[in-house]
C-alpha cells in the first residue's frame, strides 16, 4: 500500500471515531463562540477609540469661554493647575449661590461695636466703691478687696516720674471699635496727680519720647499692639492696664479686676517674670544696694547700670526694686 493510500485510510478512520464519540458538534459550537467573542471585543475597542474631528466650526471655536465662579478653580487656572479640575462643573444650585456670593464684595473690616455710644459713656459713669489703699513701712500698697495685689508705685508717681514715652493719653484709634478715642480722658484723674506737669509732654504727646521716661529708654508695645494681641477689654478700659490701675486706685471695681491683677502677678508679683529678671541682674553684677544703681560718688556711671529697659518695664507695672526686696533676694533667692 502506498503512503497516500495509508494517509487517506487514517483520515477516514479518525473521522469515523469522532462521529462515534459525538465530538463533532461540540467542536463546531466552541469554534462559533470563540469567533463571536473575538468579533465583540474588536467592535467594543473600535467604539471607544473614536477619533476626534480634525476640523471645528468657526462658531464653536470663537465662542467665549464660560467664566469660572469657583475660587479654587480660578486659583488653579492662574497657577497652571490641573486642566481636569478646571473643567469640573458645579451642581446648578451650588453654582448659582457661588455666583451671587462672588458678585457681592465681602468686607474684611472688623464690625463696629453695636452700641458704641453706650460703651463710651460707661467708661466715665462708674462710681468708687472701695477706699484708697494703705501703705506699709516698705512702701508697698495694700488693697482690702485684693490682698494679693501689692504694687509699690502709685499712679501719680508713675506719671510724674515719666512713663509710656509721655504718650499714654494721646488720641487713640481703636481698630476693633472703629473709633478714635480723644486725648481728654486723662481729665478724670485727680487734679493733684497732674498739677504742675506739662500735659503735652507727660501725657498726650503724639510721638513716643524715650527721654521722658524715668530711665530714659523706650520699652514695651503701643496700645494699638496691645489691642491687636487681645489684651484690651474695651468695655472697661480702652487704653489697657495703666488706665485700669488708675481707676482701681480711685476705688472702681469691675469684672476685669481679676484678669488685670493676674497679669500684674505674672509680670512683677512675688514670682513675676520681670521682677525676677531684674533681681537676678543685681546679683549677677554683684550689687547689694539699691543706692549703688546709677552714678557713684565720683560721677562715674555705675557698675550699676542694671538694665534700664527692665527697670522701665517694671515701673510701668507699678513696681520698683526696694532695698528690703533686694536683701531678701540675695539671702533667699526669691
Protein backbone atom coordinates (compact mmCIF):
# COMPACT_ATOMS: atom_id res chain seq x y z
CA UNK A 1 0.00 0.00 0.00
CA UNK A 2 1.32 3.38 -0.96
CA UNK A 3 1.86 6.30 1.50
CA UNK A 4 -1.06 8.30 0.10
CA UNK A 5 -3.40 5.34 0.47
CA UNK A 6 -2.37 4.85 4.13
CA UNK A 7 -2.93 8.59 4.87
CA UNK A 8 -6.46 8.56 3.45
CA UNK A 9 -7.27 5.40 5.39
CA UNK A 10 -6.13 7.03 8.67
CA UNK A 11 -8.21 10.14 7.98
CA UNK A 12 -11.34 8.09 7.34
CA UNK A 13 -10.76 6.05 10.48
CA UNK A 14 -10.33 9.15 12.65
CA UNK A 15 -13.47 10.77 11.24
CA UNK A 16 -15.45 7.66 11.99
CA UNK A 17 -14.09 7.63 15.56
CA UNK A 18 -15.05 11.30 16.14
CA UNK A 19 -18.52 10.62 14.81
CA UNK A 20 -18.95 7.61 17.05
CA UNK A 21 -17.89 9.62 20.15
CA UNK A 22 -20.25 12.58 19.37
CA UNK A 23 -17.48 15.19 19.41
CA UNK A 24 -18.10 16.73 16.05
CA UNK A 25 -20.93 19.17 17.13
CA UNK A 26 -19.07 20.36 20.27
CA UNK A 27 -16.10 21.39 18.20
CA UNK A 28 -18.32 23.42 15.88
CA UNK A 29 -20.10 25.19 18.78
CA UNK A 30 -16.83 26.04 20.55
CA UNK A 31 -15.38 27.46 17.36
CA UNK A 32 -18.51 29.59 16.86
CA UNK A 33 -18.40 31.00 20.40
CA UNK A 34 -14.72 31.90 20.11
CA UNK A 35 -15.32 33.68 16.82
CA UNK A 36 -18.23 35.71 18.25
CA UNK A 37 -16.28 36.79 21.35
CA UNK A 38 -13.39 37.97 19.22
CA UNK A 39 -15.73 39.97 16.99
CA UNK A 40 -17.40 41.59 20.05
CA UNK A 41 -14.06 42.71 21.55
CA UNK A 42 -12.99 44.25 18.28
CA UNK A 43 -16.29 46.12 17.98
CA UNK A 44 -16.05 47.48 21.52
CA UNK A 45 -12.47 48.60 21.03
CA UNK A 46 -13.40 50.39 17.85
CA UNK A 47 -16.25 52.19 19.63
CA UNK A 48 -14.01 53.51 22.46
CA UNK A 49 -11.17 54.54 20.23
CA UNK A 50 -13.13 57.02 18.14
CA UNK A 51 -11.02 59.76 16.65
CA UNK A 52 -11.67 63.46 17.24
CA UNK A 53 -12.71 65.55 14.25
CA UNK A 54 -9.80 67.42 12.76
CA UNK A 55 -11.98 70.46 12.00
CA UNK A 56 -14.33 72.53 14.15
CA UNK A 57 -16.83 75.15 13.11
CA UNK A 58 -15.87 78.82 13.40
CA UNK A 59 -18.89 79.44 15.69
CA UNK A 60 -17.68 76.89 18.28
CA UNK A 61 -14.03 77.90 18.01
CA UNK A 62 -14.82 81.59 18.57
CA UNK A 63 -17.37 81.12 21.34
CA UNK A 64 -16.34 82.89 24.61
CA UNK A 65 -15.18 80.65 27.44
CA UNK A 66 -17.53 80.26 30.39
CA UNK A 67 -16.47 82.29 33.45
CA UNK A 68 -15.10 80.46 36.48
CA UNK A 69 -17.01 81.17 39.69
CA UNK A 70 -15.26 78.54 41.74
CA UNK A 71 -12.45 80.17 43.76
CA UNK A 72 -10.27 77.04 43.76
CA UNK A 73 -10.62 76.59 40.03
CA UNK A 74 -9.75 80.23 39.40
CA UNK A 75 -6.65 79.93 41.57
CA UNK A 76 -5.61 76.71 39.81
CA UNK A 77 -6.05 78.31 36.40
CA UNK A 78 -3.85 81.22 37.37
CA UNK A 79 -1.21 78.86 38.71
CA UNK A 80 -1.33 76.50 35.73
CA UNK A 81 -3.14 73.78 37.66
CA UNK A 82 -4.78 70.54 36.52
CA UNK A 83 -7.00 71.15 33.49
CA UNK A 84 -9.42 68.39 34.56
CA UNK A 85 -10.15 70.29 37.77
CA UNK A 86 -10.79 73.49 35.84
CA UNK A 87 -13.43 71.79 33.66
CA UNK A 88 -15.29 70.33 36.64
CA UNK A 89 -18.81 71.71 36.72
CA UNK A 90 -20.60 72.55 39.95
CA UNK A 91 -24.19 71.45 40.55
CA UNK A 92 -26.62 74.07 39.28
CA UNK A 93 -27.82 75.23 42.73
CA UNK A 94 -24.31 75.48 44.15
CA UNK A 95 -23.12 77.30 41.04
CA UNK A 96 -25.89 79.92 41.36
CA UNK A 97 -25.11 80.53 45.05
CA UNK A 98 -21.41 80.85 44.26
CA UNK A 99 -22.17 83.36 41.51
CA UNK A 100 -24.18 85.55 43.87
CA UNK A 101 -21.52 85.34 46.59
CA UNK A 102 -18.71 86.17 44.16
CA UNK A 103 -20.60 89.15 42.80
CA UNK A 104 -21.01 90.69 46.27
CA UNK A 105 -17.80 92.23 47.70
CA UNK A 106 -17.03 90.95 51.19
CA UNK A 107 -15.83 93.44 53.83
CA UNK A 108 -12.75 92.48 55.83
CA UNK A 109 -13.09 95.37 58.30
CA UNK A 110 -13.97 94.47 61.89
CA UNK A 111 -17.57 95.20 62.84
CA UNK A 112 -18.40 98.37 64.70
CA UNK A 113 -19.43 97.86 68.32
CA UNK A 114 -23.24 97.57 68.29
CA UNK A 115 -23.68 100.32 70.90
CA UNK A 116 -20.54 102.44 70.79
CA UNK A 117 -22.08 105.50 72.42
CA UNK A 118 -23.31 103.48 75.38
CA UNK A 119 -19.93 101.79 75.67
CA UNK A 120 -18.03 105.08 75.70
CA UNK A 121 -20.45 106.56 78.22
CA UNK A 122 -19.77 103.62 80.53
CA UNK A 123 -16.06 104.45 80.69
CA UNK A 124 -16.76 107.52 82.78
CA UNK A 125 -20.01 106.63 84.54
CA UNK A 126 -18.53 104.34 87.18
CA UNK A 127 -18.62 105.13 90.89
CA UNK A 128 -16.00 104.40 93.54
CA UNK A 129 -16.93 101.53 95.85
CA UNK A 130 -13.65 100.94 97.70
CA UNK A 131 -11.34 103.17 99.78
CA UNK A 132 -7.78 104.09 98.71
CA UNK A 133 -5.04 101.57 99.54
CA UNK A 134 -2.89 101.64 102.67
CA UNK A 135 0.92 101.84 102.61
CA UNK A 136 3.27 99.82 104.82
CA UNK A 137 6.76 100.66 106.09
CA UNK A 138 8.45 99.20 102.99
CA UNK A 139 6.37 101.40 100.71
CA UNK A 140 4.09 98.60 99.50
CA UNK A 141 0.43 99.36 98.89
CA UNK A 142 -2.38 97.09 100.10
CA UNK A 143 -5.95 96.94 98.81
CA UNK A 144 -8.58 95.48 101.14
CA UNK A 145 -10.51 93.90 98.27
CA UNK A 146 -7.43 92.24 96.71
CA UNK A 147 -4.80 91.26 99.34
CA UNK A 148 -2.59 89.62 96.72
CA UNK A 149 -2.19 92.81 94.71
CA UNK A 150 0.78 94.67 96.24
CA UNK A 151 2.33 97.29 93.93
CA UNK A 152 4.78 99.81 95.37
CA UNK A 153 4.31 102.63 92.85
CA UNK A 154 1.23 104.84 92.81
CA UNK A 155 -0.32 106.01 89.52
CA UNK A 156 0.68 109.58 90.36
CA UNK A 157 4.33 108.58 90.86
CA UNK A 158 4.36 106.65 87.59
CA UNK A 159 3.04 109.70 85.72
CA UNK A 160 5.27 112.28 87.40
CA UNK A 161 8.48 110.25 87.13
CA UNK A 162 7.92 109.69 83.40
CA UNK A 163 6.26 106.73 81.70
CA UNK A 164 4.99 105.39 78.38
CA UNK A 165 7.07 107.93 76.47
CA UNK A 166 4.63 110.66 77.53
CA UNK A 167 2.08 109.33 75.03
CA UNK A 168 -0.25 107.10 77.04
CA UNK A 169 -3.21 109.52 76.99
CA UNK A 170 -2.84 110.68 73.37
CA UNK A 171 -5.66 110.48 70.82
CA UNK A 172 -6.04 106.79 70.07
CA UNK A 173 -7.67 104.99 67.16
CA UNK A 174 -9.21 101.63 68.01
CA UNK A 175 -9.41 99.26 65.06
CA UNK A 176 -11.76 96.97 66.92
CA UNK A 177 -14.21 99.74 67.77
CA UNK A 178 -13.50 101.62 64.53
CA UNK A 179 -13.48 104.81 66.55
CA UNK A 180 -10.98 107.42 67.71
CA UNK A 181 -10.63 107.92 71.44
CA UNK A 182 -9.98 111.62 72.13
CA UNK A 183 -7.00 112.80 74.16
CA UNK A 184 -9.05 114.13 77.04
CA UNK A 185 -9.93 111.11 79.18
CA UNK A 186 -6.92 111.85 81.39
CA UNK A 187 -9.09 114.59 82.90
CA UNK A 188 -10.90 112.03 85.03
CA UNK A 189 -7.69 111.64 87.06
CA UNK A 190 -7.45 113.57 90.34
CA UNK A 191 -6.15 117.07 89.63
CA UNK A 192 -3.34 116.59 92.16
CA UNK A 193 -1.80 113.83 90.02
CA UNK A 194 -1.06 116.17 87.12
CA UNK A 195 -0.78 119.54 88.85
CA UNK A 196 2.24 121.46 87.55
CA UNK A 197 3.01 118.90 84.81
CA UNK A 198 3.26 119.64 81.10
CA UNK A 199 0.31 117.63 79.80
CA UNK A 200 1.66 117.73 76.25
CA UNK A 201 4.98 116.25 77.40
CA UNK A 202 3.98 113.75 80.08
CA UNK A 203 0.52 112.62 78.99
CA UNK A 204 -0.68 113.37 75.45
CA UNK A 205 2.43 113.51 73.27
CA UNK A 206 1.55 112.28 69.77
CA UNK A 207 5.03 110.75 69.46
CA UNK A 208 6.67 108.33 71.88
CA UNK A 209 9.57 110.12 73.62
CA UNK A 210 12.02 107.80 75.41
CA UNK A 211 13.71 110.74 77.13
CA UNK A 212 10.50 111.42 79.07
CA UNK A 213 10.66 108.01 80.75
CA UNK A 214 12.23 107.74 84.19
CA UNK A 215 15.04 105.53 82.90
CA UNK A 216 15.41 107.35 79.57
CA UNK A 217 14.74 104.32 77.38
CA UNK A 218 11.91 103.01 75.24
CA UNK A 219 10.24 99.78 76.26
CA UNK A 220 7.09 97.81 75.73
CA UNK A 221 4.49 97.92 72.98
CA UNK A 222 1.95 100.50 71.92
CA UNK A 223 -1.71 100.43 72.95
CA UNK A 224 -2.58 99.51 69.35
CA UNK A 225 -0.35 96.44 69.62
CA UNK A 226 -1.93 95.52 72.96
CA UNK A 227 -5.33 95.71 71.28
CA UNK A 228 -4.20 93.52 68.36
CA UNK A 229 -2.90 90.95 70.86
CA UNK A 230 -6.27 90.82 72.61
CA UNK A 231 -5.16 92.35 75.93
CA UNK A 232 -7.67 95.23 75.89
CA UNK A 233 -11.10 94.78 77.49
CA UNK A 234 -12.88 97.62 75.68
CA UNK A 235 -15.97 97.51 77.82
CA UNK A 236 -13.86 98.55 80.81
CA UNK A 237 -10.60 100.32 79.84
CA UNK A 238 -9.92 101.14 76.21
CA UNK A 239 -6.30 102.11 76.98
CA UNK A 240 -5.45 98.95 78.88
CA UNK A 241 -3.53 98.12 82.05
CA UNK A 242 -2.47 101.54 83.35
CA UNK A 243 -5.90 103.08 82.85
CA UNK A 244 -7.34 100.13 84.76
CA UNK A 245 -4.78 100.69 87.56
CA UNK A 246 -5.68 104.39 87.87
CA UNK A 247 -9.37 103.60 88.19
CA UNK A 248 -8.76 100.69 90.55
CA UNK A 249 -6.69 103.02 92.77
CA UNK A 250 -9.53 105.55 92.72
CA UNK A 251 -11.98 102.95 94.04
CA UNK A 252 -13.66 101.44 90.99
CA UNK A 253 -14.20 97.68 90.92
CA UNK A 254 -15.23 95.81 87.78
CA UNK A 255 -15.36 92.38 86.17
CA UNK A 256 -11.88 92.82 84.68
CA UNK A 257 -10.09 93.17 88.04
CA UNK A 258 -9.05 89.54 88.46
CA UNK A 259 -7.57 89.35 84.97
CA UNK A 260 -5.55 92.54 85.40
CA UNK A 261 -4.31 91.54 88.86
CA UNK A 262 -3.31 88.18 87.37
CA UNK A 263 -1.32 89.91 84.64
CA UNK A 264 0.43 92.06 87.25
CA UNK A 265 1.42 88.97 89.27
CA UNK A 266 2.91 87.29 86.21
CA UNK A 267 4.99 90.39 85.46
CA UNK A 268 6.13 91.78 88.82
CA UNK A 269 4.44 89.73 91.56
CA UNK A 270 6.48 87.60 94.00
CA UNK A 271 7.39 85.18 91.21
CA UNK A 272 6.79 87.56 88.31
CA UNK A 273 8.97 87.28 85.23
CA UNK A 274 10.29 90.86 85.02
CA UNK A 275 10.79 91.16 88.76
CA UNK A 276 12.97 88.03 88.90
CA UNK A 277 14.93 89.00 85.79
CA UNK A 278 15.77 92.37 87.33
CA UNK A 279 16.75 90.99 90.74
CA UNK A 280 18.94 88.32 89.12
CA UNK A 281 20.79 91.05 87.23
CA UNK A 282 21.59 92.77 90.53
CA UNK A 283 23.05 89.53 91.87
CA UNK A 284 24.95 88.77 88.65
CA UNK A 285 26.52 92.24 88.80
CA UNK A 286 27.35 91.85 92.48
CA UNK A 287 25.17 94.81 93.50
CA UNK A 288 23.76 94.56 97.03
CA UNK A 289 22.47 98.10 97.49
CA UNK A 290 19.77 99.86 95.51
CA UNK A 291 21.70 103.07 96.15
CA UNK A 292 24.59 101.67 94.06
CA UNK A 293 22.44 101.73 90.97
CA UNK A 294 23.17 104.80 88.87
CA UNK A 295 26.16 107.13 89.28
CA UNK A 296 28.75 106.61 92.02
CA UNK A 297 30.33 109.30 94.24
CA UNK A 298 32.99 110.13 91.64
CA UNK A 299 30.40 110.85 88.97
CA UNK A 300 31.22 107.65 87.08
CA UNK A 301 28.37 105.63 85.74
CA UNK A 302 27.89 102.65 87.93
CA UNK A 303 28.80 99.26 87.82
CA UNK A 304 25.49 99.87 88.28
CA UNK A 305 23.60 100.42 85.21
CA UNK A 306 21.28 97.47 85.78
CA UNK A 307 19.10 97.00 82.69
CA UNK A 308 17.22 100.30 82.35
CA UNK A 309 14.77 98.67 79.94
CA UNK A 310 13.68 96.08 82.52
CA UNK A 311 13.59 98.81 85.18
CA UNK A 312 11.26 100.89 82.98
CA UNK A 313 9.08 97.87 82.26
CA UNK A 314 8.65 97.18 85.98
CA UNK A 315 7.96 100.89 86.54
CA UNK A 316 5.07 100.71 84.06
CA UNK A 317 3.72 97.77 86.06
CA UNK A 318 3.76 99.81 89.30
CA UNK A 319 6.76 98.13 90.91
CA UNK A 320 10.41 99.04 91.56
CA UNK A 321 13.27 97.37 93.42
CA UNK A 322 13.40 98.32 97.10
CA UNK A 323 16.28 97.56 99.47
CA UNK A 324 14.31 95.07 101.56
CA UNK A 325 13.35 93.13 98.44
CA UNK A 326 16.94 93.07 97.19
CA UNK A 327 18.28 91.90 100.58
CA UNK A 328 15.73 89.10 100.67
CA UNK A 329 16.62 88.00 97.15
CA UNK A 330 20.32 87.91 97.98
CA UNK A 331 19.52 85.87 101.08
CA UNK A 332 16.76 83.54 99.92
CA UNK A 333 16.84 83.74 96.14
CA UNK A 334 13.25 84.91 95.97
